[in-house]
Every structure is written in C-alpha cells, then in structure tokens.
Amino acid sequence: MGSERLYRTAAIVIHRRDQGEADRVLTLCTPLGKIVAIARGVRRVRSRKAGHLELFVHAQLSLARSRSSWDVISQAETVAAHTPLRSDLQRGTYARYVVELYDRFVAEGEGGPALFDLLARTLDYLCQGGGEEILMRAYEQRLLALVGFRPELERCVGERGQRLCGRVLEPTGSEPFGLDPERGGALCPECAADSRQQRSVLPISPPALAFLLACGREPFSVLRQRTATPALMAEVERAARHYITYHLEREVRSGAFLRRLRREEAWPLL
C-alpha cells in the first residue's frame, strides 16, 4: 500500500462493530486488500460519513495510517449504495453470505483488485435481482480460484496403483462422479466407486458436475440463461457447501441461515 500516511482507496464495507461511545470499526474489502479501519464519531447524529459507511456500501475513502492502531477514515463518498441489500431480506441474506465467504477466506492485508472487483460485481448483480442461486455458485467458484482453493474439476484427482488417475472428466452418462475436497477436486466414476467408503467423498451426478464446471468458466450474464431444475440446483449447492466447509473447517453461518430462511419462506431456488 506504500508508505504515505494519507491514502485513498475504493472500499466495500463487509463488517461493522461499534467502538466506544461514537466510533465504529469497519472491515473493508479494497483493491489494496482487506483492511480494518475506524470511523471516528460516525455514530453521532450529525456525522457526515455515516450514510457512506453502511454495510455493503461501495465507497471511495480517504484514510490516515496509524502505526499503533487501526487506520482512520477521514472522508467517505458513496459510489454504489446497494440499498436493496439492506432493505430486502432475501437479497440481504445472499449479500451477507457473499461478504462472509470473502471474510473467511481472505486474511487482513491480503486480497487485491481481482477479489474487490468480484465482490463489487456480485453485489451489483444482487441489487438487480433474479438468478441469485446461480450467482452464488458462480461467485463461490471464482472466489475459490482467486484465493488458491479452486477445485480440479476437469481431471480426476483420484489414485490408481499409487499414481494419480488424471483421467479427463466428461460429465456424461448416468454413473455418479465424486467430489473429494481432501484431494482437491473431482473423481471419475471408477475412482468415486473405489472411494465411496471415505467420508470426505461426496457423490455428484454428471449434470451437477457439468454445472459446477460452467460456474467457473462462463460469465454470469451467460450462466444465468441456463435452465436448471430445483433438484439440480440443490445438488450443486450441496456439493459447493461440502467443498467450502472442508477447507474452512467450519460451516458458513450466513449460508446456514440462508437455507433455514429458504425452508421457512419457501423461497424458490431459481
């Protein structure tokens, strides 16, 4: 980030907590990486910065570096307010899942422009509405690729005779493939059958594997035009959750809340 005491950056607010009587500590996704900063006096009624530092807001910030504590936000100007994400329960819950995934996978000081752009574009799409489940699956695959956990879905990661199988995966036919987060990717039907006793291996149908592959390859504008049954989307979501939970070593809380709301409110998968 350089050595200058004052600097400017675009930022998206992904987490907030109150500090003292009037301050607020913010976790920010920026092109410079993930930053924790403090907005002094922002909770006062007359604060000019308050509206620009709401959750999910994309803003342009001026900050002053501190050697002993958090950097201090001195100015803030909204670029995209993302108001629907705070006023609509469904879209807001998806947005919480998106930012929590970023927060879990990216350590403070890490990240960069590609992750910032991915988060900004995903929140923009959520504000437009429609295709949220497909958007979540696409976001997951792109995030995993950028943070170094991209699943290998094109070649089998299984082992045969103490050697990597490496078979090119063609998700056709009816035999189930496997998804093994411990090995870091998908298994061909033969390796999946040999590994079915292993708890880390999740069976995955050819259409679900094909959909996951598309999520990592196709632009969202193209991906959202795909037709998929609720059953297929549920299987793809289950596979993605299995892989992500293994690597985080915990469940994503907002993801669990999202599934519970979907059951209670009968939200459609598409």
C-alpha atoms as a PDB file:
ATOM      1  CA  MET A   1       0.000   0.000   0.000  1.00  0.00           C
ATOM      2  CA  GLY A   2       3.031   2.297   0.033  1.00  0.00           C
ATOM      3  CA  SER A   3       4.477   4.337   2.873  1.00  0.00           C
ATOM      4  CA  GLU A   4       2.416   7.553   2.577  1.00  0.00           C
ATOM      5  CA  ARG A   5       0.481   8.404   5.716  1.00  0.00           C
ATOM      6  CA  LEU A   6      -2.615   9.519   3.778  1.00  0.00           C
ATOM      7  CA  TYR A   7      -4.104   7.365   1.046  1.00  0.00           C
ATOM      8  CA  ARG A   8      -7.307   6.888  -0.934  1.00  0.00           C
ATOM      9  CA  THR A   9      -8.979   3.694  -1.993  1.00  0.00           C
ATOM     10  CA  ALA A  10     -12.248   2.250  -3.136  1.00  0.00           C
ATOM     11  CA  ALA A  11     -13.801   0.050  -0.455  1.00  0.00           C
ATOM     12  CA  ILE A  12     -16.802  -2.151   0.281  1.00  0.00           C
ATOM     13  CA  VAL A  13     -17.980  -2.392   3.886  1.00  0.00           C
ATOM     14  CA  ILE A  14     -18.232  -6.086   4.784  1.00  0.00           C
ATOM     15  CA  HIS A  15     -18.467  -5.904   8.588  1.00  0.00           C
ATOM     16  CA  ARG A  16     -19.106  -3.244  11.256  1.00  0.00           C
ATOM     17  CA  ARG A  17     -18.960  -3.091  15.027  1.00  0.00           C
ATOM     18  CA  ASP A  18     -19.412  -0.251  17.482  1.00  0.00           C
ATOM     19  CA  GLN A  19     -16.406   1.070  19.390  1.00  0.00           C
ATOM     20  CA  GLY A  20     -16.643   3.382  22.371  1.00  0.00           C
ATOM     21  CA  GLU A  21     -19.420   5.967  22.508  1.00  0.00           C
ATOM     22  CA  ALA A  22     -19.473   7.203  18.919  1.00  0.00           C
ATOM     23  CA  ASP A  23     -16.917   5.325  16.812  1.00  0.00           C
ATOM     24  CA  ARG A  24     -17.292   2.303  14.549  1.00  0.00           C
ATOM     25  CA  VAL A  25     -14.694  -0.259  13.433  1.00  0.00           C
ATOM     26  CA  LEU A  26     -15.142  -1.387   9.830  1.00  0.00           C
ATOM     27  CA  THR A  27     -13.779  -4.352   7.914  1.00  0.00           C
ATOM     28  CA  LEU A  28     -13.288  -3.329   4.303  1.00  0.00           C
ATOM     29  CA  CYS A  29     -12.699  -5.128   1.037  1.00  0.00           C
ATOM     30  CA  THR A  30     -10.470  -2.891  -1.083  1.00  0.00           C
ATOM     31  CA  PRO A  31      -8.270  -3.245  -4.183  1.00  0.00           C
ATOM     32  CA  LEU A  32      -5.346  -2.940  -1.736  1.00  0.00           C
ATOM     33  CA  GLY A  33      -6.522  -5.954   0.260  1.00  0.00           C
ATOM     34  CA  LYS A  34      -8.697  -6.479   3.323  1.00  0.00           C
ATOM     35  CA  ILE A  35      -8.388  -3.541   5.719  1.00  0.00           C
ATOM     36  CA  VAL A  36      -9.719  -2.906   9.229  1.00  0.00           C
ATOM     37  CA  ALA A  37     -10.244   0.820   9.868  1.00  0.00           C
ATOM     38  CA  ILE A  38     -12.027   3.053  12.342  1.00  0.00           C
ATOM     39  CA  ALA A  39     -14.547   5.799  11.583  1.00  0.00           C
ATOM     40  CA  ARG A  40     -14.419   8.231  14.493  1.00  0.00           C
ATOM     41  CA  GLY A  41     -17.647   9.915  15.536  1.00  0.00           C
ATOM     42  CA  VAL A  42     -19.628   8.196  12.802  1.00  0.00           C
ATOM     43  CA  ARG A  43     -22.447   7.218  15.184  1.00  0.00           C
ATOM     44  CA  ARG A  44     -23.174  10.823  16.118  1.00  0.00           C
ATOM     45  CA  VAL A  45     -26.409  12.218  14.691  1.00  0.00           C
ATOM     46  CA  ARG A  46     -24.639  14.927  12.676  1.00  0.00           C
ATOM     47  CA  SER A  47     -21.915  12.705  11.235  1.00  0.00           C
ATOM     48  CA  ARG A  48     -21.440  13.316   7.513  1.00  0.00           C
ATOM     49  CA  LYS A  49     -19.753   9.963   6.962  1.00  0.00           C
ATOM     50  CA  ALA A  50     -22.470   7.713   8.444  1.00  0.00           C
ATOM     51  CA  GLY A  51     -24.548   7.178   5.294  1.00  0.00           C
ATOM     52  CA  HIS A  52     -21.440   6.400   3.238  1.00  0.00           C
ATOM     53  CA  LEU A  53     -20.268   3.628   5.581  1.00  0.00           C
ATOM     54  CA  GLU A  54     -23.307   1.380   5.806  1.00  0.00           C
ATOM     55  CA  LEU A  55     -22.962  -2.375   5.333  1.00  0.00           C
ATOM     56  CA  PHE A  56     -22.431  -3.374   1.653  1.00  0.00           C
ATOM     57  CA  VAL A  57     -21.807   0.227   0.537  1.00  0.00           C
ATOM     58  CA  HIS A  58     -19.159   0.683  -2.167  1.00  0.00           C
ATOM     59  CA  ALA A  59     -17.421   3.970  -1.337  1.00  0.00           C
ATOM     60  CA  GLN A  60     -14.328   5.992  -2.114  1.00  0.00           C
ATOM     61  CA  LEU A  61     -12.416   6.583   1.113  1.00  0.00           C
ATOM     62  CA  SER A  62      -9.598   8.773   2.371  1.00  0.00           C
ATOM     63  CA  LEU A  63      -7.662   7.219   5.246  1.00  0.00           C
ATOM     64  CA  ALA A  64      -4.752   8.083   7.506  1.00  0.00           C
ATOM     65  CA  ARG A  65      -2.366   5.319   8.523  1.00  0.00           C
ATOM     66  CA  SER A  66      -1.785   4.600  12.180  1.00  0.00           C
ATOM     67  CA  ARG A  67       1.273   2.734  13.441  1.00  0.00           C
ATOM     68  CA  SER A  68      -0.309   1.711  16.736  1.00  0.00           C
ATOM     69  CA  SER A  69      -3.969   1.073  15.879  1.00  0.00           C
ATOM     70  CA  TRP A  70      -6.465   0.912  13.018  1.00  0.00           C
ATOM     71  CA  ASP A  71      -6.176   3.286  10.084  1.00  0.00           C
ATOM     72  CA  VAL A  72      -8.577   6.221  10.424  1.00  0.00           C
ATOM     73  CA  ILE A  73     -11.249   7.038   7.826  1.00  0.00           C
ATOM     74  CA  SER A  74     -11.269  10.795   7.303  1.00  0.00           C
ATOM     75  CA  GLN A  75     -13.556  11.110   4.257  1.00  0.00           C
ATOM     76  CA  ALA A  76     -16.094   8.869   2.534  1.00  0.00           C
ATOM     77  CA  GLU A  77     -18.090   9.247  -0.661  1.00  0.00           C
ATOM     78  CA  THR A  78     -20.613   6.683  -1.901  1.00  0.00           C
ATOM     79  CA  VAL A  79     -20.010   5.068  -5.288  1.00  0.00           C
ATOM     80  CA  ALA A  80     -22.813   2.475  -5.084  1.00  0.00           C
ATOM     81  CA  ALA A  81     -25.185   2.444  -2.099  1.00  0.00           C
ATOM     82  CA  HIS A  82     -26.537  -1.097  -2.699  1.00  0.00           C
ATOM     83  CA  THR A  83     -29.676  -0.044  -0.815  1.00  0.00           C
ATOM     84  CA  PRO A  84     -31.768  -3.120  -1.794  1.00  0.00           C
ATOM     85  CA  LEU A  85     -29.307  -5.326   0.067  1.00  0.00           C
ATOM     86  CA  ARG A  86     -30.238  -3.636   3.354  1.00  0.00           C
ATOM     87  CA  SER A  87     -33.973  -3.234   2.704  1.00  0.00           C
ATOM     88  CA  ASP A  88     -34.832  -6.645   1.226  1.00  0.00           C
ATOM     89  CA  LEU A  89     -34.464  -9.720   3.443  1.00  0.00           C
ATOM     90  CA  GLN A  90     -33.803 -12.200   0.651  1.00  0.00           C
ATOM     91  CA  ARG A  91     -31.196 -10.185  -1.213  1.00  0.00           C
ATOM     92  CA  GLY A  92     -29.645  -9.007   2.047  1.00  0.00           C
ATOM     93  CA  THR A  93     -29.182 -12.594   3.208  1.00  0.00           C
ATOM     94  CA  TYR A  94     -27.451 -13.515  -0.035  1.00  0.00           C
ATOM     95  CA  ALA A  95     -25.222 -10.445   0.363  1.00  0.00           C
ATOM     96  CA  ARG A  96     -24.262 -11.486   3.890  1.00  0.00           C
ATOM     97  CA  TYR A  97     -23.249 -14.885   2.567  1.00  0.00           C
ATOM     98  CA  VAL A  98     -21.110 -13.274  -0.144  1.00  0.00           C
ATOM     99  CA  VAL A  99     -19.214 -10.997   2.220  1.00  0.00           C
ATOM    100  CA  GLU A 100     -18.805 -13.698   4.876  1.00  0.00           C
ATOM    101  CA  LEU A 101     -17.151 -16.000   2.340  1.00  0.00           C
ATOM    102  CA  TYR A 102     -14.718 -13.223   1.438  1.00  0.00           C
ATOM    103  CA  ASP A 103     -14.057 -12.509   5.112  1.00  0.00           C
ATOM    104  CA  ARG A 104     -13.421 -16.187   5.934  1.00  0.00           C
ATOM    105  CA  PHE A 105     -11.062 -16.881   3.060  1.00  0.00           C
ATOM    106  CA  VAL A 106      -9.136 -13.601   2.965  1.00  0.00           C
ATOM    107  CA  ALA A 107      -6.874 -12.573   5.847  1.00  0.00           C
ATOM    108  CA  GLU A 108      -6.304  -8.948   6.829  1.00  0.00           C
ATOM    109  CA  GLY A 109      -3.776  -7.362   4.485  1.00  0.00           C
ATOM    110  CA  GLU A 110      -4.392  -9.969   1.786  1.00  0.00           C
ATOM    111  CA  GLY A 111      -6.619  -9.824  -1.285  1.00  0.00           C
ATOM    112  CA  GLY A 112      -6.310  -7.459  -4.211  1.00  0.00           C
ATOM    113  CA  PRO A 113      -8.060  -5.875  -7.207  1.00  0.00           C
ATOM    114  CA  ALA A 114      -9.481  -9.123  -8.632  1.00  0.00           C
ATOM    115  CA  LEU A 115     -11.226 -10.044  -5.377  1.00  0.00           C
ATOM    116  CA  PHE A 116     -12.521  -6.499  -4.956  1.00  0.00           C
ATOM    117  CA  ASP A 117     -13.924  -6.472  -8.497  1.00  0.00           C
ATOM    118  CA  LEU A 118     -15.552  -9.878  -7.958  1.00  0.00           C
ATOM    119  CA  LEU A 119     -17.275  -8.715  -4.775  1.00  0.00           C
ATOM    120  CA  ALA A 120     -18.381  -5.396  -6.297  1.00  0.00           C
ATOM    121  CA  ARG A 121     -19.849  -7.066  -9.393  1.00  0.00           C
ATOM    122  CA  THR A 122     -21.618  -9.718  -7.315  1.00  0.00           C
ATOM    123  CA  LEU A 123     -23.271  -7.119  -5.078  1.00  0.00           C
ATOM    124  CA  ASP A 124     -24.300  -5.142  -8.163  1.00  0.00           C
ATOM    125  CA  TYR A 125     -25.945  -8.252  -9.631  1.00  0.00           C
ATOM    126  CA  LEU A 126     -27.741  -8.933  -6.335  1.00  0.00           C
ATOM    127  CA  CYS A 127     -29.223  -5.442  -6.434  1.00  0.00           C
ATOM    128  CA  GLN A 128     -30.671  -6.182  -9.887  1.00  0.00           C
ATOM    129  CA  GLY A 129     -32.438  -9.300  -8.590  1.00  0.00           C
ATOM    130  CA  GLY A 130     -33.004 -12.659 -10.241  1.00  0.00           C
ATOM    131  CA  GLY A 131     -30.836 -15.752 -10.530  1.00  0.00           C
ATOM    132  CA  GLU A 132     -29.451 -15.457  -7.017  1.00  0.00           C
ATOM    133  CA  GLU A 133     -28.717 -19.173  -6.561  1.00  0.00           C
ATOM    134  CA  ILE A 134     -26.801 -19.391  -9.824  1.00  0.00           C
ATOM    135  CA  LEU A 135     -24.952 -16.204  -8.893  1.00  0.00           C
ATOM    136  CA  MET A 136     -23.918 -17.719  -5.543  1.00  0.00           C
ATOM    137  CA  ARG A 137     -22.485 -20.808  -7.214  1.00  0.00           C
ATOM    138  CA  ALA A 138     -20.592 -18.706  -9.756  1.00  0.00           C
ATOM    139  CA  TYR A 139     -19.259 -16.431  -7.024  1.00  0.00           C
ATOM    140  CA  GLU A 140     -18.072 -19.410  -4.960  1.00  0.00           C
ATOM    141  CA  GLN A 141     -16.100 -20.922  -7.831  1.00  0.00           C
ATOM    142  CA  ARG A 142     -14.468 -17.627  -8.783  1.00  0.00           C
ATOM    143  CA  LEU A 143     -13.606 -16.807  -5.168  1.00  0.00           C
ATOM    144  CA  LEU A 144     -12.077 -20.254  -4.630  1.00  0.00           C
ATOM    145  CA  ALA A 145      -9.944 -19.785  -7.739  1.00  0.00           C
ATOM    146  CA  LEU A 146      -8.690 -16.380  -6.624  1.00  0.00           C
ATOM    147  CA  VAL A 147      -7.770 -17.500  -3.087  1.00  0.00           C
ATOM    148  CA  GLY A 148      -5.964 -20.637  -4.228  1.00  0.00           C
ATOM    149  CA  PHE A 149      -8.587 -23.291  -3.464  1.00  0.00           C
ATOM    150  CA  ARG A 150     -10.031 -23.849  -6.932  1.00  0.00           C
ATOM    151  CA  PRO A 151     -11.311 -27.435  -7.184  1.00  0.00           C
ATOM    152  CA  GLU A 152      -9.867 -29.522 -10.005  1.00  0.00           C
ATOM    153  CA  LEU A 153     -12.990 -30.469 -11.945  1.00  0.00           C
ATOM    154  CA  GLU A 154     -11.513 -31.281 -15.346  1.00  0.00           C
ATOM    155  CA  ARG A 155      -9.254 -34.237 -14.440  1.00  0.00           C
ATOM    156  CA  CYS A 156      -9.689 -36.961 -11.857  1.00  0.00           C
ATOM    157  CA  VAL A 157      -7.709 -36.358  -8.664  1.00  0.00           C
ATOM    158  CA  GLY A 158      -8.054 -39.975  -7.540  1.00  0.00           C
ATOM    159  CA  GLU A 159      -5.239 -42.502  -7.280  1.00  0.00           C
ATOM    160  CA  ARG A 160      -4.744 -45.817  -9.050  1.00  0.00           C
ATOM    161  CA  GLY A 161      -1.854 -48.038  -8.124  1.00  0.00           C
ATOM    162  CA  GLN A 162      -0.274 -45.230  -6.064  1.00  0.00           C
ATOM    163  CA  ARG A 163      -0.352 -42.973  -9.129  1.00  0.00           C
ATOM    164  CA  LEU A 164      -2.601 -40.027  -9.920  1.00  0.00           C
ATOM    165  CA  CYS A 165      -5.504 -41.144 -12.091  1.00  0.00           C
ATOM    166  CA  GLY A 166      -5.612 -37.899 -14.095  1.00  0.00           C
ATOM    167  CA  ARG A 167      -8.433 -39.079 -16.341  1.00  0.00           C
ATOM    168  CA  VAL A 168     -10.149 -36.288 -18.267  1.00  0.00           C
ATOM    169  CA  LEU A 169     -13.632 -35.872 -16.797  1.00  0.00           C
ATOM    170  CA  GLU A 170     -16.502 -35.810 -19.253  1.00  0.00           C
ATOM    171  CA  PRO A 171     -19.681 -35.344 -17.214  1.00  0.00           C
ATOM    172  CA  THR A 172     -21.979 -37.502 -19.304  1.00  0.00           C
ATOM    173  CA  GLY A 173     -23.786 -40.761 -18.754  1.00  0.00           C
ATOM    174  CA  SER A 174     -25.518 -41.848 -15.573  1.00  0.00           C
ATOM    175  CA  GLU A 175     -22.705 -43.105 -13.328  1.00  0.00           C
ATOM    176  CA  PRO A 176     -22.009 -40.760 -10.386  1.00  0.00           C
ATOM    177  CA  PHE A 177     -18.719 -38.955 -10.106  1.00  0.00           C
ATOM    178  CA  GLY A 178     -17.225 -37.933  -6.761  1.00  0.00           C
ATOM    179  CA  LEU A 179     -16.151 -34.679  -5.127  1.00  0.00           C
ATOM    180  CA  ASP A 180     -13.230 -35.038  -2.725  1.00  0.00           C
ATOM    181  CA  PRO A 181     -12.145 -31.784  -1.041  1.00  0.00           C
ATOM    182  CA  GLU A 182      -9.304 -33.614   0.706  1.00  0.00           C
ATOM    183  CA  ARG A 183      -7.710 -34.365  -2.663  1.00  0.00           C
ATOM    184  CA  GLY A 184      -8.858 -31.019  -4.056  1.00  0.00           C
ATOM    185  CA  GLY A 185     -11.294 -31.919  -6.774  1.00  0.00           C
ATOM    186  CA  ALA A 186     -13.486 -34.401  -8.617  1.00  0.00           C
ATOM    187  CA  LEU A 187     -13.170 -38.163  -9.090  1.00  0.00           C
ATOM    188  CA  CYS A 188     -14.041 -40.186 -12.172  1.00  0.00           C
ATOM    189  CA  PRO A 189     -16.823 -42.784 -11.686  1.00  0.00           C
ATOM    190  CA  GLU A 190     -14.310 -45.592 -11.139  1.00  0.00           C
ATOM    191  CA  CYS A 191     -12.291 -43.716  -8.504  1.00  0.00           C
ATOM    192  CA  ALA A 192     -15.529 -42.488  -6.912  1.00  0.00           C
ATOM    193  CA  ALA A 193     -16.761 -46.083  -6.595  1.00  0.00           C
ATOM    194  CA  ASP A 194     -13.435 -47.126  -5.037  1.00  0.00           C
ATOM    195  CA  SER A 195     -13.639 -44.207  -2.554  1.00  0.00           C
ATOM    196  CA  ARG A 196     -17.299 -44.411  -1.541  1.00  0.00           C
ATOM    197  CA  GLN A 197     -16.368 -45.521   1.983  1.00  0.00           C
ATOM    198  CA  GLN A 198     -14.340 -42.339   2.556  1.00  0.00           C
ATOM    199  CA  ARG A 199     -16.311 -39.703   4.467  1.00  0.00           C
ATOM    200  CA  SER A 200     -14.749 -36.818   2.564  1.00  0.00           C
ATOM    201  CA  VAL A 201     -16.029 -38.071  -0.806  1.00  0.00           C
ATOM    202  CA  LEU A 202     -19.457 -36.790  -1.879  1.00  0.00           C
ATOM    203  CA  PRO A 203     -21.211 -38.442  -4.852  1.00  0.00           C
ATOM    204  CA  ILE A 204     -22.092 -35.960  -7.573  1.00  0.00           C
ATOM    205  CA  SER A 205     -24.179 -36.541 -10.685  1.00  0.00           C
ATOM    206  CA  PRO A 206     -22.859 -35.763 -14.191  1.00  0.00           C
ATOM    207  CA  PRO A 207     -25.280 -32.782 -14.639  1.00  0.00           C
ATOM    208  CA  ALA A 208     -24.194 -31.289 -11.284  1.00  0.00           C
ATOM    209  CA  LEU A 209     -20.511 -31.661 -12.149  1.00  0.00           C
ATOM    210  CA  ALA A 210     -21.144 -30.061 -15.547  1.00  0.00           C
ATOM    211  CA  PHE A 211     -22.933 -27.155 -13.856  1.00  0.00           C
ATOM    212  CA  LEU A 212     -20.050 -26.608 -11.411  1.00  0.00           C
ATOM    213  CA  LEU A 213     -17.636 -26.574 -14.341  1.00  0.00           C
ATOM    214  CA  ALA A 214     -19.772 -23.956 -16.089  1.00  0.00           C
ATOM    215  CA  CYS A 215     -19.830 -21.825 -12.923  1.00  0.00           C
ATOM    216  CA  GLY A 216     -16.060 -21.481 -13.122  1.00  0.00           C
ATOM    217  CA  ARG A 217     -15.920 -20.860 -16.860  1.00  0.00           C
ATOM    218  CA  GLU A 218     -18.900 -18.860 -18.082  1.00  0.00           C
ATOM    219  CA  PRO A 219     -19.683 -15.172 -17.456  1.00  0.00           C
ATOM    220  CA  PHE A 220     -22.665 -14.710 -15.176  1.00  0.00           C
ATOM    221  CA  SER A 221     -24.587 -12.975 -17.968  1.00  0.00           C
ATOM    222  CA  VAL A 222     -24.383 -16.266 -19.903  1.00  0.00           C
ATOM    223  CA  LEU A 223     -24.677 -18.587 -16.908  1.00  0.00           C
ATOM    224  CA  ARG A 224     -27.942 -17.058 -15.716  1.00  0.00           C
ATOM    225  CA  GLN A 225     -29.576 -18.070 -19.024  1.00  0.00           C
ATOM    226  CA  ARG A 226     -29.077 -21.762 -18.230  1.00  0.00           C
ATOM    227  CA  THR A 227     -32.098 -23.789 -17.277  1.00  0.00           C
ATOM    228  CA  ALA A 228     -31.767 -25.950 -14.180  1.00  0.00           C
ATOM    229  CA  THR A 229     -34.273 -27.820 -12.067  1.00  0.00           C
ATOM    230  CA  PRO A 230     -34.561 -27.083  -8.339  1.00  0.00           C
ATOM    231  CA  ALA A 231     -33.230 -30.589  -7.662  1.00  0.00           C
ATOM    232  CA  LEU A 232     -30.109 -29.939  -9.730  1.00  0.00           C
ATOM    233  CA  MET A 233     -29.513 -26.571  -8.052  1.00  0.00           C
ATOM    234  CA  ALA A 234     -29.916 -28.172  -4.621  1.00  0.00           C
ATOM    235  CA  GLU A 235     -27.309 -30.812  -5.520  1.00  0.00           C
ATOM    236  CA  VAL A 236     -24.856 -28.218  -6.844  1.00  0.00           C
ATOM    237  CA  GLU A 237     -25.327 -26.114  -3.696  1.00  0.00           C
ATOM    238  CA  ARG A 238     -24.734 -29.187  -1.514  1.00  0.00           C
ATOM    239  CA  ALA A 239     -21.530 -30.037  -3.405  1.00  0.00           C
ATOM    240  CA  ALA A 240     -20.218 -26.473  -3.127  1.00  0.00           C
ATOM    241  CA  ARG A 241     -21.041 -26.365   0.590  1.00  0.00           C
ATOM    242  CA  HIS A 242     -19.278 -29.705   1.142  1.00  0.00           C
ATOM    243  CA  TYR A 243     -16.102 -28.414  -0.510  1.00  0.00           C
ATOM    244  CA  ILE A 244     -16.114 -24.998   1.171  1.00  0.00           C
ATOM    245  CA  THR A 245     -16.899 -26.338   4.648  1.00  0.00           C
ATOM    246  CA  TYR A 246     -13.999 -28.770   4.431  1.00  0.00           C
ATOM    247  CA  HIS A 247     -11.485 -26.046   3.585  1.00  0.00           C
ATOM    248  CA  LEU A 248     -12.809 -23.518   6.105  1.00  0.00           C
ATOM    249  CA  GLU A 249     -13.093 -26.233   8.763  1.00  0.00           C
ATOM    250  CA  ARG A 250     -16.442 -24.753   9.745  1.00  0.00           C
ATOM    251  CA  GLU A 251     -19.838 -24.044   8.275  1.00  0.00           C
ATOM    252  CA  VAL A 252     -20.544 -20.599   6.852  1.00  0.00           C
ATOM    253  CA  ARG A 253     -23.065 -19.175   9.311  1.00  0.00           C
ATOM    254  CA  SER A 254     -24.914 -16.981   6.838  1.00  0.00           C
ATOM    255  CA  GLY A 255     -25.194 -19.956   4.475  1.00  0.00           C
ATOM    256  CA  ALA A 256     -26.939 -21.994   7.175  1.00  0.00           C
ATOM    257  CA  PHE A 257     -29.228 -19.025   7.914  1.00  0.00           C
ATOM    258  CA  LEU A 258     -29.947 -18.674   4.196  1.00  0.00           C
ATOM    259  CA  ARG A 259     -31.027 -22.315   3.922  1.00  0.00           C
ATOM    260  CA  ARG A 260     -33.237 -22.023   7.009  1.00  0.00           C
ATOM    261  CA  LEU A 261     -34.949 -18.906   5.637  1.00  0.00           C
ATOM    262  CA  ARG A 262     -35.457 -20.624   2.314  1.00  0.00           C
ATOM    263  CA  ARG A 263     -37.225 -23.506   4.047  1.00  0.00           C
ATOM    264  CA  GLU A 264     -39.362 -21.223   6.226  1.00  0.00           C
ATOM    265  CA  GLU A 265     -40.264 -18.748   3.494  1.00  0.00           C
ATOM    266  CA  ALA A 266     -40.344 -21.298   0.633  1.00  0.00           C
ATOM    267  CA  TRP A 267     -38.000 -19.180  -1.483  1.00  0.00           C
ATOM    268  CA  PRO A 268     -37.564 -20.606  -4.980  1.00  0.00           C
ATOM    269  CA  LEU A 269     -34.145 -21.945  -5.944  1.00  0.00           C
ATOM    270  CA  LEU A 270     -34.378 -20.194  -9.297  1.00  0.00           C
END
